[in-house]
Amino acid sequence: MLCGIVFGLVPAFGSSGVDLNRSLREASGAIPSSRFAARLRSTFVAGEIALAVVVLICTVLLVRDFANAVYRDLGFQPHNLMVTHLAIPPTKYKTEAARRNFFDEVIARVRALPEVASAGHQRGHAVQ
């Protein structure tokens, strides 16, 4: 947001020394003043405003969802938490029981470590 403000104000301050009235008068002579051109300009302005409103709404929704994700109650304290992904070869552990036994053995070994207070495993994502 700060970047948008800075990059929006820099050109405005840079053009502050220019005589805008003279520039607009010179430019208006080059633009055809037919009804079609006026309607086309109005359509472009309306389209630009509509797109700006859509971008603004999307930005507000994105910021709101991000804030909800950051301040969401996870149901546990993530301090000193370690999460790993463990992929096992399906050719070695063909049945569900063999995979379950493998994970139970890994968890038992991890729990036996002196630095570990608690250990567990699950299938899928921890936070959904």
N, C-alpha and C. Protein backbone atom coordinates (compact mmCIF):
# COMPACT_ATOMS: atom_id res chain seq x y z
N MET A 1 0.82 -1.17 0.00
CA MET A 1 0.00 0.00 0.00
C MET A 1 0.88 1.25 0.00
N LEU A 2 1.92 1.23 0.81
CA LEU A 2 2.84 2.35 0.86
C LEU A 2 3.49 2.56 -0.51
N CYS A 3 3.81 1.46 -1.17
CA CYS A 3 4.42 1.55 -2.50
C CYS A 3 3.49 2.25 -3.48
N GLY A 4 2.19 1.92 -3.43
CA GLY A 4 1.22 2.56 -4.31
C GLY A 4 1.09 4.05 -4.04
N ILE A 5 1.12 4.41 -2.77
CA ILE A 5 1.02 5.83 -2.42
C ILE A 5 2.26 6.59 -2.90
N VAL A 6 3.43 6.01 -2.66
CA VAL A 6 4.67 6.68 -3.05
C VAL A 6 4.73 6.83 -4.57
N PHE A 7 4.47 5.74 -5.30
CA PHE A 7 4.57 5.82 -6.75
C PHE A 7 3.42 6.61 -7.37
N GLY A 8 2.36 6.85 -6.62
CA GLY A 8 1.29 7.71 -7.11
C GLY A 8 1.57 9.18 -6.85
N LEU A 9 2.26 9.48 -5.75
CA LEU A 9 2.53 10.87 -5.41
C LEU A 9 3.75 11.44 -6.12
N VAL A 10 4.73 10.61 -6.41
CA VAL A 10 5.94 11.10 -7.07
C VAL A 10 5.62 11.76 -8.42
N PRO A 11 4.84 11.12 -9.32
CA PRO A 11 4.51 11.82 -10.58
C PRO A 11 3.67 13.07 -10.35
N ALA A 12 2.81 13.04 -9.32
CA ALA A 12 1.98 14.22 -9.05
C ALA A 12 2.84 15.40 -8.62
N PHE A 13 3.81 15.17 -7.77
CA PHE A 13 4.71 16.25 -7.37
C PHE A 13 5.61 16.68 -8.52
N GLY A 14 5.98 15.75 -9.35
CA GLY A 14 6.84 16.09 -10.49
C GLY A 14 6.13 16.95 -11.51
N SER A 15 4.83 16.75 -11.67
CA SER A 15 4.09 17.54 -12.65
C SER A 15 3.48 18.80 -12.05
N SER A 16 3.77 19.08 -10.80
CA SER A 16 3.16 20.24 -10.15
C SER A 16 3.64 21.56 -10.75
N GLY A 17 4.80 21.57 -11.39
CA GLY A 17 5.32 22.79 -11.98
C GLY A 17 4.77 23.05 -13.38
N VAL A 18 4.02 22.13 -13.95
CA VAL A 18 3.50 22.25 -15.30
C VAL A 18 2.18 23.03 -15.26
N ASP A 19 1.98 23.90 -16.25
CA ASP A 19 0.73 24.64 -16.36
C ASP A 19 -0.31 23.71 -16.97
N LEU A 20 -1.19 23.18 -16.13
CA LEU A 20 -2.16 22.19 -16.60
C LEU A 20 -3.22 22.80 -17.51
N ASN A 21 -3.62 24.02 -17.28
CA ASN A 21 -4.64 24.65 -18.13
C ASN A 21 -4.16 24.75 -19.57
N ARG A 22 -2.92 25.20 -19.75
CA ARG A 22 -2.39 25.32 -21.11
C ARG A 22 -2.25 23.94 -21.76
N SER A 23 -1.79 22.97 -20.99
CA SER A 23 -1.61 21.62 -21.53
C SER A 23 -2.95 21.01 -21.93
N LEU A 24 -3.97 21.21 -21.11
CA LEU A 24 -5.29 20.66 -21.44
C LEU A 24 -5.90 21.35 -22.65
N ARG A 25 -5.72 22.66 -22.78
CA ARG A 25 -6.24 23.38 -23.96
C ARG A 25 -5.58 22.89 -25.23
N GLU A 26 -4.26 22.70 -25.17
CA GLU A 26 -3.55 22.21 -26.36
C GLU A 26 -3.97 20.80 -26.71
N ALA A 27 -4.17 19.96 -25.71
CA ALA A 27 -4.55 18.57 -25.96
C ALA A 27 -5.99 18.47 -26.43
N SER A 28 -6.86 19.35 -25.97
CA SER A 28 -8.27 19.26 -26.35
C SER A 28 -8.46 19.58 -27.82
N GLY A 29 -7.58 20.34 -28.42
CA GLY A 29 -7.70 20.62 -29.85
C GLY A 29 -7.38 19.41 -30.70
N ALA A 30 -6.62 18.48 -30.16
CA ALA A 30 -6.24 17.30 -30.93
C ALA A 30 -7.27 16.19 -30.83
N ILE A 31 -8.20 16.30 -29.88
CA ILE A 31 -9.21 15.25 -29.69
C ILE A 31 -10.46 15.63 -30.46
N PRO A 32 -10.97 14.73 -31.29
CA PRO A 32 -12.21 15.04 -32.00
C PRO A 32 -13.37 15.19 -31.01
N SER A 33 -14.22 16.13 -31.26
CA SER A 33 -15.30 16.42 -30.32
C SER A 33 -16.65 15.94 -30.85
N SER A 34 -16.67 14.84 -31.54
CA SER A 34 -17.94 14.31 -32.03
C SER A 34 -18.68 13.61 -30.90
N ARG A 35 -19.95 13.33 -31.14
CA ARG A 35 -20.76 12.64 -30.13
C ARG A 35 -20.22 11.24 -29.87
N PHE A 36 -19.79 10.59 -30.94
CA PHE A 36 -19.24 9.24 -30.79
C PHE A 36 -17.98 9.24 -29.92
N ALA A 37 -17.10 10.21 -30.15
CA ALA A 37 -15.87 10.28 -29.36
C ALA A 37 -16.19 10.58 -27.90
N ALA A 38 -17.15 11.47 -27.66
CA ALA A 38 -17.53 11.79 -26.28
C ALA A 38 -18.14 10.58 -25.58
N ARG A 39 -18.99 9.86 -26.31
CA ARG A 39 -19.60 8.65 -25.73
C ARG A 39 -18.54 7.59 -25.47
N LEU A 40 -17.58 7.47 -26.37
CA LEU A 40 -16.51 6.48 -26.21
C LEU A 40 -15.64 6.83 -24.98
N ARG A 41 -15.32 8.12 -24.84
CA ARG A 41 -14.56 8.54 -23.66
C ARG A 41 -15.32 8.26 -22.38
N SER A 42 -16.61 8.56 -22.38
CA SER A 42 -17.44 8.30 -21.20
C SER A 42 -17.49 6.81 -20.88
N THR A 43 -17.57 5.98 -21.91
CA THR A 43 -17.59 4.53 -21.71
C THR A 43 -16.27 4.06 -21.12
N PHE A 44 -15.17 4.59 -21.64
CA PHE A 44 -13.86 4.20 -21.10
C PHE A 44 -13.70 4.63 -19.65
N VAL A 45 -14.16 5.83 -19.33
CA VAL A 45 -14.06 6.32 -17.95
C VAL A 45 -14.91 5.45 -17.02
N ALA A 46 -16.13 5.13 -17.46
CA ALA A 46 -17.00 4.28 -16.65
C ALA A 46 -16.39 2.89 -16.46
N GLY A 47 -15.80 2.35 -17.52
CA GLY A 47 -15.15 1.04 -17.43
C GLY A 47 -13.96 1.08 -16.48
N GLU A 48 -13.19 2.16 -16.55
CA GLU A 48 -12.03 2.29 -15.66
C GLU A 48 -12.47 2.39 -14.20
N ILE A 49 -13.53 3.14 -13.95
CA ILE A 49 -14.04 3.26 -12.58
C ILE A 49 -14.57 1.91 -12.10
N ALA A 50 -15.28 1.19 -12.97
CA ALA A 50 -15.80 -0.12 -12.59
C ALA A 50 -14.66 -1.09 -12.27
N LEU A 51 -13.61 -1.08 -13.07
CA LEU A 51 -12.47 -1.95 -12.79
C LEU A 51 -11.77 -1.56 -11.49
N ALA A 52 -11.68 -0.27 -11.24
CA ALA A 52 -11.06 0.18 -9.99
C ALA A 52 -11.87 -0.27 -8.78
N VAL A 53 -13.19 -0.22 -8.89
CA VAL A 53 -14.05 -0.68 -7.80
C VAL A 53 -13.89 -2.18 -7.58
N VAL A 54 -13.81 -2.95 -8.67
CA VAL A 54 -13.62 -4.40 -8.55
C VAL A 54 -12.28 -4.70 -7.88
N VAL A 55 -11.23 -4.01 -8.29
CA VAL A 55 -9.91 -4.23 -7.68
C VAL A 55 -9.93 -3.85 -6.21
N LEU A 56 -10.60 -2.76 -5.87
CA LEU A 56 -10.70 -2.34 -4.48
C LEU A 56 -11.44 -3.38 -3.64
N ILE A 57 -12.55 -3.90 -4.16
CA ILE A 57 -13.31 -4.91 -3.43
C ILE A 57 -12.48 -6.17 -3.24
N CYS A 58 -11.79 -6.61 -4.30
CA CYS A 58 -10.94 -7.81 -4.19
C CYS A 58 -9.82 -7.59 -3.18
N THR A 59 -9.26 -6.41 -3.14
CA THR A 59 -8.19 -6.11 -2.19
C THR A 59 -8.71 -6.17 -0.76
N VAL A 60 -9.87 -5.60 -0.52
CA VAL A 60 -10.46 -5.61 0.82
C VAL A 60 -10.74 -7.05 1.25
N LEU A 61 -11.29 -7.86 0.34
CA LEU A 61 -11.59 -9.26 0.69
C LEU A 61 -10.31 -10.05 0.96
N LEU A 62 -9.28 -9.79 0.18
CA LEU A 62 -8.01 -10.49 0.37
C LEU A 62 -7.38 -10.12 1.72
N VAL A 63 -7.38 -8.85 2.05
CA VAL A 63 -6.80 -8.41 3.33
C VAL A 63 -7.61 -8.96 4.49
N ARG A 64 -8.93 -8.97 4.36
CA ARG A 64 -9.77 -9.50 5.43
C ARG A 64 -9.52 -11.00 5.64
N ASP A 65 -9.44 -11.77 4.54
CA ASP A 65 -9.17 -13.20 4.66
C ASP A 65 -7.79 -13.46 5.22
N PHE A 66 -6.81 -12.65 4.84
CA PHE A 66 -5.46 -12.82 5.38
C PHE A 66 -5.46 -12.56 6.89
N ALA A 67 -6.14 -11.50 7.31
CA ALA A 67 -6.21 -11.19 8.74
C ALA A 67 -6.92 -12.32 9.49
N ASN A 68 -7.98 -12.88 8.92
CA ASN A 68 -8.67 -13.99 9.56
C ASN A 68 -7.75 -15.21 9.67
N ALA A 69 -6.94 -15.45 8.66
CA ALA A 69 -6.03 -16.60 8.70
C ALA A 69 -4.92 -16.40 9.73
N VAL A 70 -4.44 -15.18 9.87
CA VAL A 70 -3.36 -14.91 10.81
C VAL A 70 -3.85 -15.01 12.25
N TYR A 71 -5.04 -14.50 12.53
CA TYR A 71 -5.53 -14.46 13.90
C TYR A 71 -6.48 -15.62 14.23
N ARG A 72 -6.52 -16.62 13.39
CA ARG A 72 -7.39 -17.78 13.60
C ARG A 72 -6.89 -18.62 14.78
N ASP A 73 -7.83 -19.08 15.60
CA ASP A 73 -7.47 -19.95 16.71
C ASP A 73 -7.22 -21.35 16.16
N LEU A 74 -5.99 -21.82 16.29
CA LEU A 74 -5.61 -23.11 15.73
C LEU A 74 -6.04 -24.28 16.61
N GLY A 75 -6.33 -24.02 17.86
CA GLY A 75 -6.70 -25.09 18.77
C GLY A 75 -5.49 -25.69 19.47
N PHE A 76 -4.31 -25.16 19.21
CA PHE A 76 -3.09 -25.61 19.87
C PHE A 76 -2.10 -24.47 19.86
N GLN A 77 -1.06 -24.60 20.68
CA GLN A 77 -0.01 -23.58 20.74
C GLN A 77 1.09 -23.95 19.75
N PRO A 78 1.31 -23.16 18.72
CA PRO A 78 2.31 -23.52 17.71
C PRO A 78 3.75 -23.24 18.14
N HIS A 79 3.95 -22.72 19.36
CA HIS A 79 5.31 -22.44 19.84
C HIS A 79 6.06 -23.76 20.04
N ASN A 80 7.28 -23.84 19.53
CA ASN A 80 8.12 -25.05 19.60
C ASN A 80 7.49 -26.25 18.91
N LEU A 81 6.74 -25.99 17.88
CA LEU A 81 6.10 -27.05 17.11
C LEU A 81 6.93 -27.35 15.87
N MET A 82 7.11 -28.62 15.59
CA MET A 82 7.83 -29.02 14.38
C MET A 82 6.89 -29.88 13.54
N VAL A 83 6.76 -29.54 12.28
CA VAL A 83 5.91 -30.28 11.36
C VAL A 83 6.78 -30.79 10.23
N THR A 84 6.62 -32.05 9.89
CA THR A 84 7.38 -32.63 8.78
C THR A 84 6.44 -33.37 7.85
N HIS A 85 6.91 -33.59 6.65
CA HIS A 85 6.19 -34.39 5.68
C HIS A 85 7.01 -35.65 5.45
N LEU A 86 6.38 -36.78 5.60
CA LEU A 86 7.09 -38.04 5.47
C LEU A 86 6.40 -38.87 4.39
N ALA A 87 7.10 -39.10 3.29
CA ALA A 87 6.56 -39.92 2.21
C ALA A 87 7.23 -41.29 2.26
N ILE A 88 6.42 -42.32 2.24
CA ILE A 88 6.97 -43.68 2.28
C ILE A 88 6.72 -44.34 0.94
N PRO A 89 7.61 -45.24 0.52
CA PRO A 89 7.44 -45.88 -0.78
C PRO A 89 6.26 -46.85 -0.77
N PRO A 90 5.33 -46.70 -1.70
CA PRO A 90 4.16 -47.58 -1.72
C PRO A 90 4.51 -49.04 -2.08
N THR A 91 5.66 -49.24 -2.72
CA THR A 91 6.04 -50.61 -3.07
C THR A 91 6.51 -51.38 -1.85
N LYS A 92 7.08 -50.70 -0.86
CA LYS A 92 7.56 -51.37 0.34
C LYS A 92 6.44 -51.61 1.34
N TYR A 93 5.52 -50.63 1.46
CA TYR A 93 4.40 -50.73 2.40
C TYR A 93 3.11 -50.76 1.59
N LYS A 94 2.72 -51.97 1.19
CA LYS A 94 1.61 -52.12 0.24
C LYS A 94 0.25 -52.03 0.90
N THR A 95 0.13 -52.45 2.15
CA THR A 95 -1.18 -52.45 2.80
C THR A 95 -1.28 -51.28 3.78
N GLU A 96 -2.51 -50.96 4.11
CA GLU A 96 -2.76 -49.88 5.07
C GLU A 96 -2.20 -50.25 6.45
N ALA A 97 -2.29 -51.52 6.81
CA ALA A 97 -1.78 -51.96 8.10
C ALA A 97 -0.26 -51.80 8.17
N ALA A 98 0.44 -52.10 7.08
CA ALA A 98 1.90 -51.95 7.06
C ALA A 98 2.29 -50.48 7.19
N ARG A 99 1.56 -49.61 6.50
CA ARG A 99 1.84 -48.17 6.62
C ARG A 99 1.55 -47.67 8.03
N ARG A 100 0.46 -48.13 8.63
CA ARG A 100 0.11 -47.73 9.99
C ARG A 100 1.18 -48.20 10.97
N ASN A 101 1.66 -49.43 10.81
CA ASN A 101 2.72 -49.95 11.68
C ASN A 101 4.01 -49.14 11.54
N PHE A 102 4.34 -48.74 10.29
CA PHE A 102 5.53 -47.93 10.07
C PHE A 102 5.43 -46.60 10.82
N PHE A 103 4.29 -45.91 10.68
CA PHE A 103 4.12 -44.62 11.35
C PHE A 103 4.08 -44.78 12.86
N ASP A 104 3.47 -45.84 13.35
CA ASP A 104 3.46 -46.07 14.80
C ASP A 104 4.88 -46.27 15.33
N GLU A 105 5.72 -46.98 14.58
CA GLU A 105 7.11 -47.20 14.98
C GLU A 105 7.89 -45.87 14.98
N VAL A 106 7.68 -45.06 13.95
CA VAL A 106 8.36 -43.76 13.88
C VAL A 106 7.95 -42.88 15.06
N ILE A 107 6.65 -42.84 15.35
CA ILE A 107 6.16 -42.01 16.46
C ILE A 107 6.72 -42.51 17.79
N ALA A 108 6.80 -43.82 17.96
CA ALA A 108 7.35 -44.37 19.20
C ALA A 108 8.81 -43.97 19.36
N ARG A 109 9.57 -43.99 18.27
CA ARG A 109 10.98 -43.58 18.34
C ARG A 109 11.13 -42.09 18.63
N VAL A 110 10.28 -41.28 18.03
CA VAL A 110 10.34 -39.84 18.26
C VAL A 110 9.97 -39.52 19.70
N ARG A 111 8.95 -40.17 20.23
CA ARG A 111 8.54 -39.94 21.62
C ARG A 111 9.63 -40.34 22.61
N ALA A 112 10.48 -41.29 22.21
CA ALA A 112 11.55 -41.76 23.10
C ALA A 112 12.69 -40.75 23.21
N LEU A 113 12.74 -39.78 22.32
CA LEU A 113 13.80 -38.77 22.38
C LEU A 113 13.60 -37.89 23.62
N PRO A 114 14.69 -37.53 24.32
CA PRO A 114 14.53 -36.76 25.56
C PRO A 114 14.02 -35.34 25.34
N GLU A 115 14.24 -34.75 24.18
CA GLU A 115 13.81 -33.36 23.94
C GLU A 115 12.34 -33.26 23.56
N VAL A 116 11.70 -34.39 23.30
CA VAL A 116 10.33 -34.38 22.77
C VAL A 116 9.33 -34.50 23.92
N ALA A 117 8.41 -33.55 24.00
CA ALA A 117 7.37 -33.59 25.03
C ALA A 117 6.18 -34.40 24.55
N SER A 118 5.87 -34.32 23.24
CA SER A 118 4.72 -35.00 22.70
C SER A 118 4.94 -35.20 21.20
N ALA A 119 4.36 -36.24 20.64
CA ALA A 119 4.49 -36.50 19.21
C ALA A 119 3.21 -37.17 18.72
N GLY A 120 2.90 -36.94 17.48
CA GLY A 120 1.71 -37.54 16.86
C GLY A 120 1.81 -37.46 15.36
N HIS A 121 0.88 -38.11 14.68
CA HIS A 121 0.87 -38.04 13.22
C HIS A 121 -0.56 -38.04 12.74
N GLN A 122 -0.73 -37.58 11.53
CA GLN A 122 -2.05 -37.57 10.92
C GLN A 122 -1.90 -37.61 9.41
N ARG A 123 -2.94 -37.98 8.75
CA ARG A 123 -2.98 -37.95 7.30
C ARG A 123 -3.71 -36.69 6.87
N GLY A 124 -3.21 -36.00 5.88
CA GLY A 124 -3.86 -34.79 5.41
C GLY A 124 -3.20 -33.56 6.01
N HIS A 125 -3.88 -32.44 5.90
CA HIS A 125 -3.35 -31.16 6.38
C HIS A 125 -3.73 -30.94 7.83
N ALA A 126 -2.84 -30.30 8.57
CA ALA A 126 -3.11 -30.04 9.99
C ALA A 126 -4.14 -28.93 10.18
N VAL A 127 -4.07 -27.89 9.37
CA VAL A 127 -4.98 -26.75 9.50
C VAL A 127 -5.75 -26.61 8.20
N GLN A 128 -7.06 -26.70 8.29
CA GLN A 128 -7.89 -26.59 7.08
C GLN A 128 -8.90 -25.50 7.26
